[in-house]
C-alpha atoms as a PDB file:
ATOM      1  CA  MET A   1       0.000   0.000   0.000  1.00  0.00           C
ATOM      2  CA  GLY A   2       2.879   2.397   0.777  1.00  0.00           C
ATOM      3  CA  LEU A   3       4.365   1.845  -2.683  1.00  0.00           C
ATOM      4  CA  LEU A   4       1.045   2.551  -4.410  1.00  0.00           C
ATOM      5  CA  LYS A   5       0.632   5.718  -2.389  1.00  0.00           C
ATOM      6  CA  LEU A   6       4.129   6.836  -3.543  1.00  0.00           C
ATOM      7  CA  PHE A   7       3.075   6.557  -7.202  1.00  0.00           C
ATOM      8  CA  THR A   8       0.147   8.918  -6.558  1.00  0.00           C
ATOM      9  CA  LYS A   9       2.327  11.739  -5.242  1.00  0.00           C
ATOM     10  CA  LYS A  10       3.183  14.650  -7.587  1.00  0.00           C
ATOM     11  CA  GLU A  11       6.642  15.064  -6.059  1.00  0.00           C
ATOM     12  CA  PHE A  12       7.586  11.533  -7.161  1.00  0.00           C
ATOM     13  CA  TRP A  13       6.679  12.178 -10.807  1.00  0.00           C
ATOM     14  CA  LYS A  14       8.453  15.540 -10.751  1.00  0.00           C
ATOM     15  CA  ILE A  15      11.658  13.793  -9.672  1.00  0.00           C
ATOM     16  CA  ILE A  16      11.213  11.195 -12.423  1.00  0.00           C
ATOM     17  CA  GLY A  17      10.626  13.995 -14.980  1.00  0.00           C
ATOM     18  CA  TYR A  18      13.662  15.959 -13.867  1.00  0.00           C
ATOM     19  CA  GLY A  19      15.754  12.795 -14.037  1.00  0.00           C
ATOM     20  CA  LEU A  20      14.656  12.035 -17.591  1.00  0.00           C
ATOM     21  CA  ILE A  21      15.369  15.620 -18.658  1.00  0.00           C
ATOM     22  CA  LEU A  22      18.849  15.497 -17.105  1.00  0.00           C
ATOM     23  CA  TYR A  23      19.505  12.120 -18.736  1.00  0.00           C
ATOM     24  CA  PHE A  24      18.423  13.463 -22.155  1.00  0.00           C
ATOM     25  CA  VAL A  25      20.551  16.623 -21.781  1.00  0.00           C
ATOM     26  CA  ALA A  26      23.600  14.568 -20.709  1.00  0.00           C
ATOM     27  CA  PHE A  27      23.075  12.238 -23.671  1.00  0.00           C
ATOM     28  CA  LEU A  28      22.979  15.176 -26.083  1.00  0.00           C
ATOM     29  CA  LEU A  29      26.110  16.726 -24.556  1.00  0.00           C
ATOM     30  CA  VAL A  30      28.037  13.469 -24.815  1.00  0.00           C
ATOM     31  CA  LEU A  31      26.879  12.907 -28.399  1.00  0.00           C
ATOM     32  CA  LEU A  32      27.801  16.437 -29.480  1.00  0.00           C
ATOM     33  CA  GLY A  33      31.114  16.198 -27.662  1.00  0.00           C
ATOM     34  CA  LEU A  34      32.009  12.961 -29.425  1.00  0.00           C
ATOM     35  CA  ARG A  35      31.043  14.423 -32.802  1.00  0.00           C
ATOM     36  CA  TRP A  36      33.261  17.439 -32.112  1.00  0.00           C
ATOM     37  CA  TYR A  37      36.154  15.378 -30.732  1.00  0.00           C
ATOM     38  CA  THR A  38      36.200  12.914 -33.628  1.00  0.00           C
ATOM     39  CA  ASN A  39      35.458  15.568 -36.278  1.00  0.00           C
ATOM     40  CA  HIS A  40      32.387  13.623 -37.410  1.00  0.00           C
ATOM     41  CA  ASN A  41      32.003  13.656 -41.209  1.00  0.00           C
ATOM     42  CA  LYS A  42      35.098  15.898 -41.537  1.00  0.00           C
ATOM     43  CA  SER A  43      37.811  13.972 -43.343  1.00  0.00           C
ATOM     44  CA  PHE A  44      40.152  14.712 -46.228  1.00  0.00           C
ATOM     45  CA  PRO A  45      42.504  12.724 -48.500  1.00  0.00           C
ATOM     46  CA  VAL A  46      46.083  12.080 -47.404  1.00  0.00           C
ATOM     47  CA  PRO A  47      48.592  14.065 -49.505  1.00  0.00           C
ATOM     48  CA  ASP A  48      51.209  12.227 -51.547  1.00  0.00           C
ATOM     49  CA  PHE A  49      54.507  12.767 -49.704  1.00  0.00           C
ATOM     50  CA  LYS A  50      56.606  10.457 -51.910  1.00  0.00           C
ATOM     51  CA  GLY A  51      59.741  12.082 -53.275  1.00  0.00           C
ATOM     52  CA  LEU A  52      59.513  15.081 -50.914  1.00  0.00           C
ATOM     53  CA  LYS A  53      62.188  16.167 -48.438  1.00  0.00           C
ATOM     54  CA  PRO A  54      61.412  16.148 -44.665  1.00  0.00           C
ATOM     55  CA  ASN A  55      61.070  19.944 -44.346  1.00  0.00           C
ATOM     56  CA  ARG A  56      58.538  20.069 -47.191  1.00  0.00           C
ATOM     57  CA  VAL A  57      56.653  17.118 -45.676  1.00  0.00           C
ATOM     58  CA  GLU A  58      56.435  18.929 -42.323  1.00  0.00           C
ATOM     59  CA  ASP A  59      55.071  22.097 -43.954  1.00  0.00           C
ATOM     60  CA  ILE A  60      52.330  20.202 -45.787  1.00  0.00           C
ATOM     61  CA  ALA A  61      51.477  18.068 -42.732  1.00  0.00           C
ATOM     62  CA  LYS A  62      51.217  21.144 -40.504  1.00  0.00           C
ATOM     63  CA  SER A  63      48.895  22.892 -42.964  1.00  0.00           C
ATOM     64  CA  ARG A  64      46.605  19.813 -42.969  1.00  0.00           C
ATOM     65  CA  ASN A  65      46.761  19.247 -39.182  1.00  0.00           C
ATOM     66  CA  LEU A  66      48.496  15.907 -39.667  1.00  0.00           C
ATOM     67  CA  LEU A  67      51.213  14.309 -37.556  1.00  0.00           C
ATOM     68  CA  ILE A  68      54.336  12.754 -39.089  1.00  0.00           C
ATOM     69  CA  GLU A  69      56.398   9.841 -37.787  1.00  0.00           C
ATOM     70  CA  ILE A  70      59.410   8.294 -39.550  1.00  0.00           C
ATOM     71  CA  ILE A  71      59.354   4.567 -38.806  1.00  0.00           C
ATOM     72  CA  ASP A  72      61.978   3.214 -41.185  1.00  0.00           C
ATOM     73  CA  SER A  73      64.696   4.099 -43.665  1.00  0.00           C
ATOM     74  CA  THR A  74      66.348   2.272 -46.513  1.00  0.00           C
ATOM     75  CA  TYR A  75      69.051   3.239 -48.955  1.00  0.00           C
ATOM     76  CA  ILE A  76      68.296   3.548 -52.683  1.00  0.00           C
ATOM     77  CA  PRO A  77      71.208   5.227 -54.476  1.00  0.00           C
ATOM     78  CA  TYR A  78      69.057   6.430 -57.385  1.00  0.00           C
ATOM     79  CA  LEU A  79      66.729   8.501 -55.187  1.00  0.00           C
ATOM     80  CA  GLN A  80      67.267  11.791 -53.363  1.00  0.00           C
ATOM     81  CA  LYS A  81      68.701  11.315 -49.878  1.00  0.00           C
ATOM     82  CA  GLY A  82      66.180  11.954 -47.114  1.00  0.00           C
ATOM     83  CA  SER A  83      63.195  11.875 -49.467  1.00  0.00           C
ATOM     84  CA  VAL A  84      60.050   9.879 -48.687  1.00  0.00           C
ATOM     85  CA  ILE A  85      59.879   6.527 -50.496  1.00  0.00           C
ATOM     86  CA  ASP A  86      56.777   5.065 -48.821  1.00  0.00           C
ATOM     87  CA  GLN A  87      53.934   6.146 -46.553  1.00  0.00           C
ATOM     88  CA  TYR A  88      50.962   4.789 -44.604  1.00  0.00           C
ATOM     89  CA  PRO A  89      48.084   5.509 -44.992  1.00  0.00           C
ATOM     90  CA  ARG A  90      48.483   5.634 -48.771  1.00  0.00           C
ATOM     91  CA  PRO A  91      47.895   8.872 -50.702  1.00  0.00           C
ATOM     92  CA  GLY A  92      44.218   9.578 -51.317  1.00  0.00           C
ATOM     93  CA  ILE A  93      42.927   7.662 -48.268  1.00  0.00           C
ATOM     94  CA  ASN A  94      40.494   9.837 -46.273  1.00  0.00           C
ATOM     95  CA  VAL A  95      41.594  10.626 -42.720  1.00  0.00           C
ATOM     96  CA  LYS A  96      40.677  13.126 -39.998  1.00  0.00           C
ATOM     97  CA  LYS A  97      42.927  15.812 -38.577  1.00  0.00           C
ATOM     98  CA  ASN A  98      45.627  14.847 -36.061  1.00  0.00           C
ATOM     99  CA  ARG A  99      46.045  11.488 -37.810  1.00  0.00           C
ATOM    100  CA  THR A 100      49.631  10.192 -37.773  1.00  0.00           C
ATOM    101  CA  ILE A 101      51.173   9.444 -41.169  1.00  0.00           C
ATOM    102  CA  PHE A 102      53.990   6.882 -40.995  1.00  0.00           C
ATOM    103  CA  LEU A 103      56.878   7.421 -43.403  1.00  0.00           C
ATOM    104  CA  THR A 104      59.788   5.426 -44.785  1.00  0.00           C
ATOM    105  CA  ILE A 105      62.596   7.645 -46.068  1.00  0.00           C
ATOM    106  CA  ASN A 106      65.671   7.152 -48.210  1.00  0.00           C
ATOM    107  CA  ALA A 107      68.638   6.996 -45.832  1.00  0.00           C
ATOM    108  CA  PHE A 108      71.302   9.703 -46.033  1.00  0.00           C
ATOM    109  CA  ASN A 109      74.114   7.149 -45.774  1.00  0.00           C
ATOM    110  CA  GLN A 110      74.329   3.495 -46.669  1.00  0.00           C
ATOM    111  CA  ALA A 111      75.049   1.055 -43.846  1.00  0.00           C
ATOM    112  CA  LYS A 112      78.453  -0.622 -43.817  1.00  0.00           C
ATOM    113  CA  VAL A 113      79.282  -4.320 -43.496  1.00  0.00           C
ATOM    114  CA  GLU A 114      82.446  -6.340 -43.044  1.00  0.00           C
ATOM    115  CA  MET A 115      83.922  -7.735 -46.214  1.00  0.00           C
ATOM    116  CA  PRO A 116      83.962 -11.554 -46.061  1.00  0.00           C
ATOM    117  CA  ASN A 117      86.698 -13.744 -47.511  1.00  0.00           C
ATOM    118  CA  VAL A 118      85.509 -15.633 -50.600  1.00  0.00           C
ATOM    119  CA  VAL A 119      88.951 -16.474 -52.029  1.00  0.00           C
ATOM    120  CA  GLY A 120      89.342 -20.217 -52.555  1.00  0.00           C
ATOM    121  CA  VAL A 121      85.639 -21.058 -52.846  1.00  0.00           C
ATOM    122  CA  SER A 122      83.471 -21.680 -55.887  1.00  0.00           C
ATOM    123  CA  PHE A 123      81.807 -18.763 -57.658  1.00  0.00           C
ATOM    124  CA  ARG A 124      78.320 -19.882 -56.579  1.00  0.00           C
ATOM    125  CA  GLN A 125      79.357 -20.089 -52.922  1.00  0.00           C
ATOM    126  CA  ALA A 126      81.061 -16.678 -53.173  1.00  0.00           C
ATOM    127  CA  LYS A 127      77.942 -15.131 -54.740  1.00  0.00           C
ATOM    128  CA  THR A 128      75.731 -16.464 -51.941  1.00  0.00           C
ATOM    129  CA  THR A 129      78.154 -15.212 -49.244  1.00  0.00           C
ATOM    130  CA  LEU A 130      78.430 -11.728 -50.757  1.00  0.00           C
ATOM    131  CA  GLU A 131      74.684 -11.335 -51.265  1.00  0.00           C
ATOM    132  CA  ARG A 132      74.006 -12.332 -47.651  1.00  0.00           C
ATOM    133  CA  ARG A 133      76.207  -9.383 -46.621  1.00  0.00           C
ATOM    134  CA  GLY A 134      74.268  -7.042 -48.913  1.00  0.00           C
ATOM    135  CA  LEU A 135      77.042  -6.889 -51.529  1.00  0.00           C
ATOM    136  CA  LYS A 136      76.741  -7.470 -55.278  1.00  0.00           C
ATOM    137  CA  ILE A 137      78.710  -9.322 -57.899  1.00  0.00           C
ATOM    138  CA  GLY A 138      80.755  -7.012 -60.115  1.00  0.00           C
ATOM    139  CA  ARG A 139      83.023  -8.068 -63.012  1.00  0.00           C
ATOM    140  CA  LEU A 140      84.071 -11.664 -63.507  1.00  0.00           C
ATOM    141  CA  ILE A 141      87.710 -11.754 -64.625  1.00  0.00           C
ATOM    142  CA  TYR A 142      88.922 -15.108 -65.897  1.00  0.00           C
ATOM    143  CA  GLU A 143      92.594 -15.980 -65.372  1.00  0.00           C
ATOM    144  CA  PRO A 144      94.651 -19.112 -66.149  1.00  0.00           C
ATOM    145  CA  ASP A 145      94.136 -21.619 -63.340  1.00  0.00           C
ATOM    146  CA  TYR A 146      93.283 -25.299 -63.249  1.00  0.00           C
ATOM    147  CA  ALA A 147      90.359 -24.745 -60.815  1.00  0.00           C
ATOM    148  CA  GLU A 148      87.546 -23.634 -63.101  1.00  0.00           C
ATOM    149  CA  ASN A 149      85.255 -20.940 -61.599  1.00  0.00           C
ATOM    150  CA  ASN A 150      87.195 -20.979 -58.328  1.00  0.00           C
ATOM    151  CA  VAL A 151      87.733 -17.503 -56.777  1.00  0.00           C
ATOM    152  CA  LEU A 152      91.377 -16.406 -57.050  1.00  0.00           C
ATOM    153  CA  GLU A 153      91.010 -12.782 -55.876  1.00  0.00           C
ATOM    154  CA  GLN A 154      88.330 -10.422 -54.566  1.00  0.00           C
ATOM    155  CA  MET A 155      88.539  -6.760 -55.604  1.00  0.00           C
ATOM    156  CA  HIS A 156      86.740  -3.455 -55.198  1.00  0.00           C
ATOM    157  CA  ASN A 157      87.388  -0.434 -57.423  1.00  0.00           C
ATOM    158  CA  GLY A 158      90.323  -2.209 -59.037  1.00  0.00           C
ATOM    159  CA  LYS A 159      92.100  -3.047 -55.763  1.00  0.00           C
ATOM    160  CA  VAL A 160      92.244  -6.205 -53.680  1.00  0.00           C
ATOM    161  CA  ILE A 161      89.902  -5.956 -50.695  1.00  0.00           C
ATOM    162  CA  THR A 162      90.737  -8.000 -47.603  1.00  0.00           C
ATOM    163  CA  LYS A 163      88.482  -9.760 -45.151  1.00  0.00           C
ATOM    164  CA  GLY A 164      87.159  -7.473 -42.386  1.00  0.00           C
ATOM    165  CA  THR A 165      87.358  -4.258 -44.423  1.00  0.00           C
ATOM    166  CA  MET A 166      84.259  -2.119 -43.784  1.00  0.00           C
ATOM    167  CA  ILE A 167      82.390  -1.455 -47.013  1.00  0.00           C
ATOM    168  CA  GLU A 168      79.017   0.080 -47.852  1.00  0.00           C
ATOM    169  CA  LYS A 169      76.154  -2.281 -48.635  1.00  0.00           C
ATOM    170  CA  GLY A 170      75.263  -2.512 -52.302  1.00  0.00           C
ATOM    171  CA  GLN A 171      78.847  -2.191 -53.521  1.00  0.00           C
ATOM    172  CA  HIS A 172      80.043  -4.395 -56.408  1.00  0.00           C
ATOM    173  CA  ILE A 173      82.812  -6.885 -55.736  1.00  0.00           C
ATOM    174  CA  ASP A 174      84.870  -8.020 -58.730  1.00  0.00           C
ATOM    175  CA  LEU A 175      86.030 -11.621 -58.707  1.00  0.00           C
ATOM    176  CA  ALA A 176      89.017 -13.185 -60.464  1.00  0.00           C
ATOM    177  CA  LEU A 177      88.080 -16.754 -61.398  1.00  0.00           C
ATOM    178  CA  GLY A 178      90.039 -19.696 -62.731  1.00  0.00           C
ATOM    179  CA  ASN A 179      89.291 -20.607 -66.344  1.00  0.00           C
ATOM    180  CA  GLY A 180      90.290 -24.248 -66.046  1.00  0.00           C
ATOM    181  CA  LEU A 181      93.336 -23.525 -68.243  1.00  0.00           C
ATOM    182  CA  SER A 182      91.088 -23.171 -71.279  1.00  0.00           C
ATOM    183  CA  ARG A 183      88.833 -20.653 -73.018  1.00  0.00           C
ATOM    184  CA  SER A 184      85.656 -22.559 -72.309  1.00  0.00           C
ATOM    185  CA  THR A 185      82.418 -21.655 -73.994  1.00  0.00           C
ATOM    186  CA  ILE A 186      79.085 -22.021 -72.214  1.00  0.00           C
ATOM    187  CA  ALA A 187      75.407 -21.735 -73.111  1.00  0.00           C
ATOM    188  CA  VAL A 188      74.005 -18.229 -73.524  1.00  0.00           C
ATOM    189  CA  PRO A 189      71.060 -17.726 -71.112  1.00  0.00           C
ATOM    190  CA  ASN A 190      67.600 -16.725 -72.337  1.00  0.00           C
ATOM    191  CA  LEU A 191      66.819 -13.344 -70.724  1.00  0.00           C
ATOM    192  CA  ASP A 192      63.572 -12.620 -72.582  1.00  0.00           C
ATOM    193  CA  ASN A 193      60.967 -10.808 -70.419  1.00  0.00           C
ATOM    194  CA  MET A 194      63.155 -10.869 -67.309  1.00  0.00           C
ATOM    195  CA  SER A 195      63.339  -7.834 -65.043  1.00  0.00           C
ATOM    196  CA  TYR A 196      66.605  -5.902 -64.754  1.00  0.00           C
ATOM    197  CA  ARG A 197      67.516  -7.578 -61.451  1.00  0.00           C
ATOM    198  CA  GLN A 198      66.560 -11.061 -62.696  1.00  0.00           C
ATOM    199  CA  ALA A 199      68.588 -10.577 -65.873  1.00  0.00           C
ATOM    200  CA  ILE A 200      71.677  -9.460 -63.937  1.00  0.00           C
ATOM    201  CA  ASP A 201      71.455 -12.517 -61.673  1.00  0.00           C
ATOM    202  CA  GLN A 202      70.955 -14.842 -64.636  1.00  0.00           C
ATOM    203  CA  ILE A 203      73.932 -13.366 -66.507  1.00  0.00           C
ATOM    204  CA  ASN A 204      76.205 -13.777 -63.463  1.00  0.00           C
ATOM    205  CA  ASP A 205      74.921 -17.285 -62.705  1.00  0.00           C
ATOM    206  CA  ALA A 206      75.800 -18.297 -66.274  1.00  0.00           C
ATOM    207  CA  TYR A 207      79.402 -17.001 -65.752  1.00  0.00           C
ATOM    208  CA  PHE A 208      79.029 -13.931 -67.994  1.00  0.00           C
ATOM    209  CA  ASN A 209      79.530 -10.231 -67.331  1.00  0.00           C
ATOM    210  CA  VAL A 210      76.856  -7.591 -67.692  1.00  0.00           C
ATOM    211  CA  GLY A 211      77.574  -5.428 -70.728  1.00  0.00           C
ATOM    212  CA  ALA A 212      75.673  -2.321 -71.836  1.00  0.00           C
ATOM    213  CA  VAL A 213      72.244  -1.857 -70.255  1.00  0.00           C
ATOM    214  CA  THR A 214      69.872   0.241 -72.384  1.00  0.00           C
ATOM    215  CA  PHE A 215      66.417   1.410 -71.278  1.00  0.00           C
ATOM    216  CA  ASP A 216      64.098   2.684 -74.021  1.00  0.00           C
ATOM    217  CA  THR A 217      61.972   5.861 -73.911  1.00  0.00           C
ATOM    218  CA  SER A 218      59.131   4.117 -72.042  1.00  0.00           C
ATOM    219  CA  VAL A 219      61.308   4.098 -68.896  1.00  0.00           C
ATOM    220  CA  HIS A 220      61.133   7.460 -67.086  1.00  0.00           C
ATOM    221  CA  ASN A 221      62.046   6.864 -63.430  1.00  0.00           C
ATOM    222  CA  TYR A 222      63.427   4.415 -60.862  1.00  0.00           C
ATOM    223  CA  ILE A 223      60.092   2.580 -60.480  1.00  0.00           C
ATOM    224  CA  ASP A 224      59.984   2.091 -64.263  1.00  0.00           C
ATOM    225  CA  THR A 225      63.456   0.525 -64.174  1.00  0.00           C
ATOM    226  CA  LEU A 226      62.176  -2.035 -61.674  1.00  0.00           C
ATOM    227  CA  ASN A 227      59.178  -2.884 -63.870  1.00  0.00           C
ATOM    228  CA  ALA A 228      60.995  -2.883 -67.217  1.00  0.00           C
ATOM    229  CA  VAL A 229      61.786  -6.241 -68.851  1.00  0.00           C
ATOM    230  CA  VAL A 230      64.371  -7.451 -71.339  1.00  0.00           C
ATOM    231  CA  TRP A 231      63.194  -7.470 -74.954  1.00  0.00           C
ATOM    232  CA  LYS A 232      66.576  -7.881 -76.655  1.00  0.00           C
ATOM    233  CA  GLN A 233      70.024  -9.257 -75.799  1.00  0.00           C
ATOM    234  CA  ASN A 234      73.410  -9.615 -77.452  1.00  0.00           C
ATOM    235  CA  PRO A 235      74.746 -12.276 -77.850  1.00  0.00           C
ATOM    236  CA  ALA A 236      71.248 -13.438 -78.783  1.00  0.00           C
ATOM    237  CA  TYR A 237      69.748 -16.567 -77.312  1.00  0.00           C
ATOM    238  CA  TYR A 238      68.853 -19.466 -79.571  1.00  0.00           C
ATOM    239  CA  GLU A 239      69.046 -23.214 -79.307  1.00  0.00           C
ATOM    240  CA  LYS A 240      72.644 -24.315 -78.648  1.00  0.00           C
ATOM    241  CA  SER A 241      73.984 -20.721 -78.679  1.00  0.00           C
ATOM    242  CA  ARG A 242      77.281 -20.473 -76.777  1.00  0.00           C
ATOM    243  CA  SER A 243      79.854 -17.824 -75.911  1.00  0.00           C
ATOM    244  CA  THR A 244      83.144 -17.513 -74.009  1.00  0.00           C
ATOM    245  CA  MET A 245      83.027 -17.522 -70.193  1.00  0.00           C
ATOM    246  CA  GLY A 246      83.478 -14.025 -68.809  1.00  0.00           C
ATOM    247  CA  GLY A 247      82.195 -12.411 -72.001  1.00  0.00           C
ATOM    248  CA  LYS A 248      79.684  -9.563 -71.888  1.00  0.00           C
ATOM    249  CA  ILE A 249      75.956  -9.781 -72.546  1.00  0.00           C
ATOM    250  CA  ASN A 250      74.262  -6.510 -73.529  1.00  0.00           C
ATOM    251  CA  ILE A 251      70.589  -6.083 -72.705  1.00  0.00           C
ATOM    252  CA  TRP A 252      67.788  -3.751 -73.791  1.00  0.00           C
ATOM    253  CA  LEU A 253      64.796  -3.161 -71.507  1.00  0.00           C
ATOM    254  CA  THR A 254      61.334  -1.646 -71.922  1.00  0.00           C
ATOM    255  CA  ILE A 255      57.986  -1.252 -70.208  1.00  0.00           C
ATOM    256  CA  ASN A 256      56.171  -2.047 -73.477  1.00  0.00           C
ATOM    257  CA  ALA A 257      57.514  -5.555 -74.112  1.00  0.00           C
ATOM    258  CA  ALA A 258      54.105  -6.786 -75.322  1.00  0.00           C
ATOM    259  CA  GLU A 259      53.913  -4.052 -77.993  1.00  0.00           C
ATOM    260  CA  ILE A 260      57.445  -4.802 -79.229  1.00  0.00           C
ATOM    261  CA  SER A 261      56.622  -8.525 -79.459  1.00  0.00           C
ATOM    262  CA  LEU A 262      53.519  -7.677 -81.478  1.00  0.00           C
ATOM    263  CA  ILE A 263      55.509  -5.459 -83.874  1.00  0.00           C
ATOM    264  CA  ASP A 264      58.137  -8.178 -84.319  1.00  0.00           C
ATOM    265  CA  SER A 265      55.477 -10.796 -85.055  1.00  0.00           C
ATOM    266  CA  VAL A 266      53.869  -8.537 -87.659  1.00  0.00           C
ATOM    267  CA  LYS A 267      57.271  -7.922 -89.297  1.00  0.00           C
ATOM    268  CA  ASN A 268      57.878 -11.676 -89.462  1.00  0.00           C
ATOM    269  CA  ASP A 269      54.522 -12.201 -91.164  1.00  0.00           C
ATOM    270  CA  ILE A 270      55.314  -9.658 -93.918  1.00  0.00           C
ATOM    271  CA  PRO A 271      56.637 -11.483 -97.015  1.00  0.00           C
ATOM    272  CA  ASN A 272      60.096 -10.428 -98.178  1.00  0.00           C
END
């Protein structure tokens, strides 16, 4: 009976009413506050920072109320030192202000590694050892020696380089190899449609040197060089084609390999 009597009192319903009003007002304040804090429906595309220097990146980020954080660096000799080479989120992705954009930049200096000793081992073992240290195969120089394709000397910039010498990653190491006391000829590799890096590896693996490398007019920048493929080589590849070990193979690369193949096929179909 006491509870029923409470429901009939005006003061009780006034308290309930005031409570509902306060709850509704608090709900509106929280909702509006969240919309303001998260900039509801106010987003804009991320600028493209690639290729820009840090000071230019900071100016653009500040004007867009964005935060910048450099999370990694790598060294690409063909690109401007300190410039942005990758970013997350990607350009064009919509974000809100105060969003952090994570950048990878091109390092100002290449890291150094200790030169290993590859004298006395086979070429293939030497290549694996050098590449694990971040070094590259340079010229292959064949000299008279009974041990065919065995490393006789390791050199950098024309001088012998000893084990333990600190050297920048990415440098080319020339190797003097034994020719087996003969001028052996070996099969010419087929480089058709290989990327620049794949072609270089294939040429070295076949015991040849890289000759002239020619990119056609479809290649405009560093990214294009990575995507370009071989459409021509000299000496040419054909069944049973051979050439002297240590000889040079010249390559021509393009982005439009499919178009060149089509033109060649049309030329072959034209009667002489």
